[in-house]
Amino acid sequence: MKSVVVTALAALGMLYPACAEELSGKAIFERTCKNCHGPEGKGNPTVDSFWKMKIPRLDSQYVQQKPDAELKKIITGGIRKMEPVRMDAPTAPHRAKLTDSQVDSVIAYVRILKKR
């Protein structure tokens, strides 16, 4: 009986990192990206109006065809009116930039938005 439980736990342990990566990316997205890009990456017309531009839809071919390295450069360095992504809301004091691991996780999450 113990060996069955140990085997089951070992199997779950092997699956966990892949699931954790996706959940981590979603959590980061929700804290840093969804206000401008919308909850599912399909945009936010109110924010488009505020910035007087159509913010790229993350589920679009335009974004999805970009290589991960380019998305990483945009996330970490910003582009046009978008500043580098920082954790939490703009009003939060001492917002930290995303770590390389967090950027990789949010890119992995953005990649699944095209499937929705």
Protein backbone atom coordinates (compact mmCIF):
# COMPACT_ATOMS: atom_id res chain seq x y z
CA MET A 1 0.00 0.00 0.00
CA LYS A 2 2.81 2.41 0.90
CA SER A 3 4.49 1.80 -2.44
CA VAL A 4 1.29 2.68 -4.31
CA VAL A 5 1.00 5.97 -2.40
CA VAL A 6 4.69 6.77 -2.94
CA THR A 7 4.38 5.99 -6.65
CA ALA A 8 1.27 8.18 -6.96
CA LEU A 9 2.95 11.05 -5.14
CA ALA A 10 6.05 10.72 -7.31
CA ALA A 11 3.89 10.86 -10.45
CA LEU A 12 2.13 13.99 -9.19
CA GLY A 13 5.49 15.53 -8.37
CA MET A 14 6.61 15.04 -11.96
CA LEU A 15 3.43 16.70 -13.27
CA TYR A 16 3.39 19.58 -10.79
CA PRO A 17 6.11 21.80 -12.34
CA ALA A 18 4.26 22.04 -15.67
CA CYS A 19 0.98 22.87 -13.95
CA ALA A 20 2.63 25.28 -11.52
CA GLU A 21 4.28 27.13 -14.43
CA GLU A 22 0.91 27.74 -16.07
CA LEU A 23 -0.81 28.76 -12.85
CA SER A 24 2.08 30.98 -11.92
CA GLY A 25 1.92 32.65 -15.33
CA LYS A 26 -1.82 33.19 -14.97
CA ALA A 27 -1.40 34.69 -11.50
CA ILE A 28 1.31 37.03 -12.78
CA PHE A 29 -0.84 37.97 -15.79
CA GLU A 30 -3.75 38.80 -13.51
CA ARG A 31 -1.56 41.01 -11.31
CA THR A 32 0.34 42.79 -14.06
CA CYS A 33 -1.28 42.53 -17.50
CA LYS A 34 -5.04 42.07 -17.36
CA ASN A 35 -5.92 45.69 -16.57
CA CYS A 36 -4.65 46.82 -19.98
CA HIS A 37 -4.88 43.64 -22.06
CA GLY A 38 -8.19 42.40 -20.61
CA PRO A 39 -8.87 39.33 -18.48
CA GLU A 40 -8.41 36.94 -21.41
CA GLY A 41 -5.93 39.02 -23.43
CA LYS A 42 -8.69 40.13 -25.80
CA GLY A 43 -8.29 43.82 -24.97
CA ASN A 44 -9.85 46.50 -22.85
CA PRO A 45 -11.66 49.25 -24.83
CA THR A 46 -11.59 51.64 -21.86
CA VAL A 47 -7.81 51.44 -21.68
CA ASP A 48 -7.54 51.76 -25.47
CA SER A 49 -9.52 55.00 -25.19
CA PHE A 50 -7.39 56.29 -22.32
CA TRP A 51 -4.12 55.68 -24.17
CA LYS A 52 -5.62 56.74 -27.52
CA MET A 53 -4.36 53.59 -29.18
CA LYS A 54 -5.47 49.99 -29.59
CA ILE A 55 -3.41 47.94 -27.19
CA PRO A 56 -2.31 44.68 -28.85
CA ARG A 57 -4.64 41.76 -28.24
CA LEU A 58 -2.57 38.96 -26.75
CA ASP A 59 -4.63 36.28 -28.47
CA SER A 60 -3.99 37.86 -31.89
CA GLN A 61 -1.76 36.45 -34.59
CA TYR A 62 0.28 39.68 -34.38
CA VAL A 63 1.33 38.85 -30.80
CA GLN A 64 1.29 35.06 -31.02
CA GLN A 65 3.72 34.99 -33.97
CA LYS A 66 6.35 36.94 -32.03
CA PRO A 67 9.21 34.81 -30.71
CA ASP A 68 9.50 34.42 -26.94
CA ALA A 69 12.69 36.51 -26.95
CA GLU A 70 10.82 39.47 -28.46
CA LEU A 71 7.96 39.17 -25.97
CA LYS A 72 10.51 39.01 -23.16
CA LYS A 73 12.19 42.17 -24.44
CA ILE A 74 8.83 43.98 -24.55
CA ILE A 75 7.85 42.79 -21.06
CA THR A 76 11.17 43.70 -19.46
CA GLY A 77 11.94 46.87 -21.41
CA GLY A 78 8.57 48.24 -22.44
CA ILE A 79 7.56 49.49 -25.87
CA ARG A 80 5.98 52.77 -27.05
CA LYS A 81 3.66 53.93 -24.22
CA MET A 82 4.05 50.67 -22.26
CA GLU A 83 6.58 50.78 -19.46
CA PRO A 84 8.50 47.69 -18.34
CA VAL A 85 6.14 45.35 -16.50
CA ARG A 86 6.30 45.55 -12.72
CA MET A 87 4.51 43.42 -10.16
CA ASP A 88 1.21 44.67 -8.73
CA ALA A 89 -0.87 47.76 -9.43
CA PRO A 90 0.71 51.07 -10.48
CA THR A 91 -0.30 52.60 -7.14
CA ALA A 92 1.56 49.97 -5.11
CA PRO A 93 4.78 51.34 -3.56
CA HIS A 94 8.12 49.74 -4.46
CA ARG A 95 6.90 47.62 -7.35
CA ALA A 96 9.55 45.12 -8.43
CA LYS A 97 10.35 44.17 -12.00
CA LEU A 98 9.47 40.63 -12.96
CA THR A 99 12.18 38.01 -12.59
CA ASP A 100 13.32 36.00 -15.62
CA SER A 101 11.33 33.04 -14.30
CA GLN A 102 8.19 35.14 -13.90
CA VAL A 103 8.58 36.54 -17.42
CA ASP A 104 8.94 33.02 -18.81
CA SER A 105 5.84 31.94 -16.89
CA VAL A 106 3.70 34.81 -18.13
CA ILE A 107 4.86 34.20 -21.72
CA ALA A 108 3.86 30.54 -21.36
CA TYR A 109 0.44 31.72 -20.16
CA VAL A 110 0.08 34.22 -23.03
CA ARG A 111 0.79 31.37 -25.46
CA ILE A 112 -2.29 29.46 -24.25
CA LEU A 113 -4.54 32.48 -24.79
CA LYS A 114 -4.62 31.79 -28.54
CA LYS A 115 -6.31 28.46 -27.81
CA ARG A 116 -9.28 30.02 -26.00
